[in-house]
Amino acid sequence: AEKGYFRLMNALEQLEHLLPNDAPSEKILADVWESRFLKAMNDDFNAPILIAELFDFSKEVQRLSRGELGVDSDNLDKLKTFINSFVFDVLGLRDIRSVHSANTVALDAALEVLIELRNQARNDKNWALSDAIRDRLKEKGIELKDGKEGTTYSLKP
C-alpha cells in the first residue's frame, strides 16, 4: 500500500509540473478520467476498482511526462483540479508533498542545532561529547561530514 501511495503522489507531483502538449495525436481527456473515477465511486464506493483507476491514471501521467500522450491547456487544468480534489478532499489522503517539505525544514533545523553543539564540544576539546553526538546520529542513519566549509550531513538508508 505504501508503494502505491508514493507512486500516486509522484504522479500528482509530475502532473503539477506538466505543460500542455498538443503534438501527440493521442490525447488525454479530463472528462473521461473524471467519469471513470465517479463510476467507481457510484458503484457503492468500489475501493478496488477505484484504486485500479488511480493506478491507471498514474500510468497515463507517466505517458504524458514522456510525451507519448498529448493534453491541451483546458484538459490539463481540469485534470489537475479534479484529481487533486478527488484524492485529497474526497478520499482524504494526505498530501505528502507538504508533509515532506515541513518535515525536511524541521529536520534541517534540528540537525543544525546538533551540529552547533558538536562544534562547540570540539572547540572546548570535549571529544567524548563530540564523538557521542556523531556516533548517535550515525546509529540513526545520519552521517556527519566535517569539511573546510563546515559540517554537513547526509541521510543513509
Protein backbone atom coordinates (compact mmCIF):
# COMPACT_ATOMS: atom_id res chain seq x y z
CA ALA A 1 0.00 0.00 0.00
CA GLU A 2 2.85 2.36 0.81
CA LYS A 3 4.48 1.85 -2.60
CA GLY A 4 1.18 2.55 -4.31
CA TYR A 5 0.67 5.69 -2.26
CA PHE A 6 4.10 7.02 -3.18
CA ARG A 7 3.52 6.13 -6.83
CA LEU A 8 0.29 8.13 -6.77
CA MET A 9 1.96 11.09 -5.01
CA ASN A 10 4.78 11.04 -7.58
CA ALA A 11 2.23 11.06 -10.39
CA LEU A 12 0.47 14.05 -8.83
CA GLU A 13 3.79 15.85 -8.49
CA GLN A 14 4.59 15.17 -12.15
CA LEU A 15 1.13 16.33 -13.17
CA GLU A 16 1.69 19.65 -11.37
CA HIS A 17 4.79 20.35 -13.47
CA LEU A 18 3.41 19.27 -16.84
CA LEU A 19 2.91 21.78 -19.61
CA PRO A 20 0.29 21.50 -22.36
CA ASN A 21 1.49 19.42 -25.30
CA ASP A 22 -0.68 19.19 -28.41
CA ALA A 23 1.91 17.35 -30.53
CA PRO A 24 0.98 13.67 -30.00
CA SER A 25 -2.16 12.58 -31.82
CA GLU A 26 -3.40 10.55 -28.85
CA LYS A 27 -4.79 12.94 -26.24
CA ILE A 28 -5.82 12.54 -22.64
CA LEU A 29 -9.27 13.87 -21.75
CA ALA A 30 -10.10 15.04 -18.24
CA ASP A 31 -13.81 14.22 -18.61
CA VAL A 32 -13.05 10.57 -19.40
CA TRP A 33 -10.96 10.17 -16.25
CA GLU A 34 -13.43 12.05 -14.11
CA SER A 35 -16.26 9.76 -15.26
CA ARG A 36 -14.13 6.66 -14.59
CA PHE A 37 -13.49 7.76 -11.01
CA LEU A 38 -17.11 8.74 -10.44
CA LYS A 39 -18.32 5.42 -11.85
CA ALA A 40 -16.19 3.54 -9.30
CA MET A 41 -17.47 5.77 -6.51
CA ASN A 42 -21.09 5.41 -7.56
CA ASP A 43 -20.69 1.62 -7.53
CA ASP A 44 -21.12 1.63 -3.74
CA PHE A 45 -17.69 3.24 -3.41
CA ASN A 46 -15.98 0.24 -5.00
CA ALA A 47 -12.50 0.71 -3.50
CA PRO A 48 -10.66 -1.99 -5.52
CA ILE A 49 -11.89 -0.54 -8.81
CA LEU A 50 -11.18 2.98 -7.62
CA ILE A 51 -7.61 2.09 -6.66
CA ALA A 52 -7.10 0.37 -10.01
CA GLU A 53 -8.33 3.52 -11.76
CA LEU A 54 -5.91 5.65 -9.76
CA PHE A 55 -3.00 3.42 -10.78
CA ASP A 56 -4.11 3.51 -14.42
CA PHE A 57 -4.23 7.29 -14.15
CA SER A 58 -0.68 7.30 -12.72
CA LYS A 59 0.49 5.35 -15.78
CA GLU A 60 -1.16 7.90 -18.06
CA VAL A 61 0.64 10.71 -16.26
CA GLN A 62 3.91 8.86 -16.95
CA ARG A 63 2.98 8.71 -20.64
CA LEU A 64 2.19 12.44 -20.58
CA SER A 65 5.57 13.13 -18.99
CA ARG A 66 7.35 11.15 -21.69
CA GLY A 67 5.44 13.00 -24.44
CA GLU A 68 3.60 9.85 -25.60
CA LEU A 69 0.24 11.48 -24.89
CA GLY A 70 -0.89 15.00 -25.58
CA VAL A 71 -3.02 17.28 -23.46
CA ASP A 72 -4.34 20.74 -24.20
CA SER A 73 -4.34 23.54 -21.66
CA ASP A 74 -8.03 23.22 -20.70
CA ASN A 75 -7.82 19.46 -20.14
CA LEU A 76 -4.60 19.80 -18.18
CA ASP A 77 -6.18 22.39 -15.87
CA LYS A 78 -9.27 20.19 -15.41
CA LEU A 79 -7.10 17.14 -14.67
CA LYS A 80 -5.08 18.98 -12.06
CA THR A 81 -8.17 20.40 -10.38
CA PHE A 82 -10.33 17.29 -10.25
CA ILE A 83 -7.58 14.78 -9.41
CA ASN A 84 -6.27 16.88 -6.52
CA SER A 85 -9.79 17.47 -5.25
CA PHE A 86 -10.63 13.80 -5.64
CA VAL A 87 -7.51 12.40 -3.97
CA PHE A 88 -7.21 14.89 -1.11
CA ASP A 89 -10.78 16.09 -0.49
CA VAL A 90 -12.90 13.08 -1.41
CA LEU A 91 -10.55 10.23 -0.47
CA GLY A 92 -8.93 12.19 2.34
CA LEU A 93 -5.36 11.17 1.53
CA ARG A 94 -2.65 13.38 2.99
CA ASP A 95 -0.52 15.36 0.60
CA ILE A 96 2.95 14.00 1.31
CA ARG A 97 4.47 16.86 -0.64
CA SER A 98 3.54 19.41 2.04
CA VAL A 99 4.22 16.98 4.91
CA HIS A 100 7.61 16.09 3.43
CA SER A 101 8.51 19.75 2.99
CA ALA A 102 7.61 20.63 6.59
CA ASN A 103 9.47 17.58 7.90
CA THR A 104 12.56 18.48 5.88
CA VAL A 105 12.63 22.00 7.31
CA ALA A 106 12.24 20.67 10.87
CA LEU A 107 14.94 18.02 10.34
CA ASP A 108 17.36 20.58 8.92
CA ALA A 109 16.78 22.90 11.89
CA ALA A 110 17.24 20.11 14.45
CA LEU A 111 20.43 18.89 12.79
CA GLU A 112 21.82 22.43 12.65
CA VAL A 113 21.38 22.64 16.43
CA LEU A 114 23.13 19.29 16.95
CA ILE A 115 25.96 20.28 14.62
CA GLU A 116 26.40 23.57 16.52
CA LEU A 117 26.50 21.68 19.83
CA ARG A 118 29.02 19.22 18.42
CA ASN A 119 31.18 22.05 17.04
CA GLN A 120 31.09 23.77 20.44
CA ALA A 121 32.14 20.49 22.10
CA ARG A 122 35.03 20.20 19.62
CA ASN A 123 36.09 23.81 20.29
CA ASP A 124 36.03 23.01 24.02
CA LYS A 125 38.06 19.85 23.29
CA ASN A 126 35.23 17.76 24.74
CA TRP A 127 35.97 14.87 22.40
CA ALA A 128 33.72 12.43 24.27
CA LEU A 129 30.63 14.59 23.71
CA SER A 130 31.62 15.44 20.14
CA ASP A 131 32.13 11.76 19.29
CA ALA A 132 28.93 10.75 21.10
CA ILE A 133 26.84 13.18 19.03
CA ARG A 134 28.43 11.96 15.80
CA ASP A 135 28.09 8.27 16.75
CA ARG A 136 24.47 8.53 17.91
CA LEU A 137 23.47 10.32 14.72
CA LYS A 138 25.28 7.68 12.67
CA GLU A 139 23.30 4.95 14.51
CA LYS A 140 20.13 6.73 13.34
CA GLY A 141 21.30 6.88 9.73
CA ILE A 142 22.65 10.43 9.72
CA GLU A 143 26.30 10.78 8.78
CA LEU A 144 28.17 13.97 9.65
CA LYS A 145 30.97 15.12 7.36
CA ASP A 146 33.50 17.70 8.51
CA GLY A 147 34.98 19.83 5.75
CA LYS A 148 36.60 23.19 5.05
CA GLU A 149 33.17 24.81 4.67
CA GLY A 150 31.94 23.37 7.97
CA THR A 151 29.99 20.29 8.93
CA THR A 152 27.36 18.83 6.62
CA TYR A 153 25.20 15.75 6.92
CA SER A 154 23.76 13.07 4.70
CA LEU A 155 21.00 10.56 5.31
CA LYS A 156 21.88 6.91 4.90
CA PRO A 157 19.20 4.31 4.15
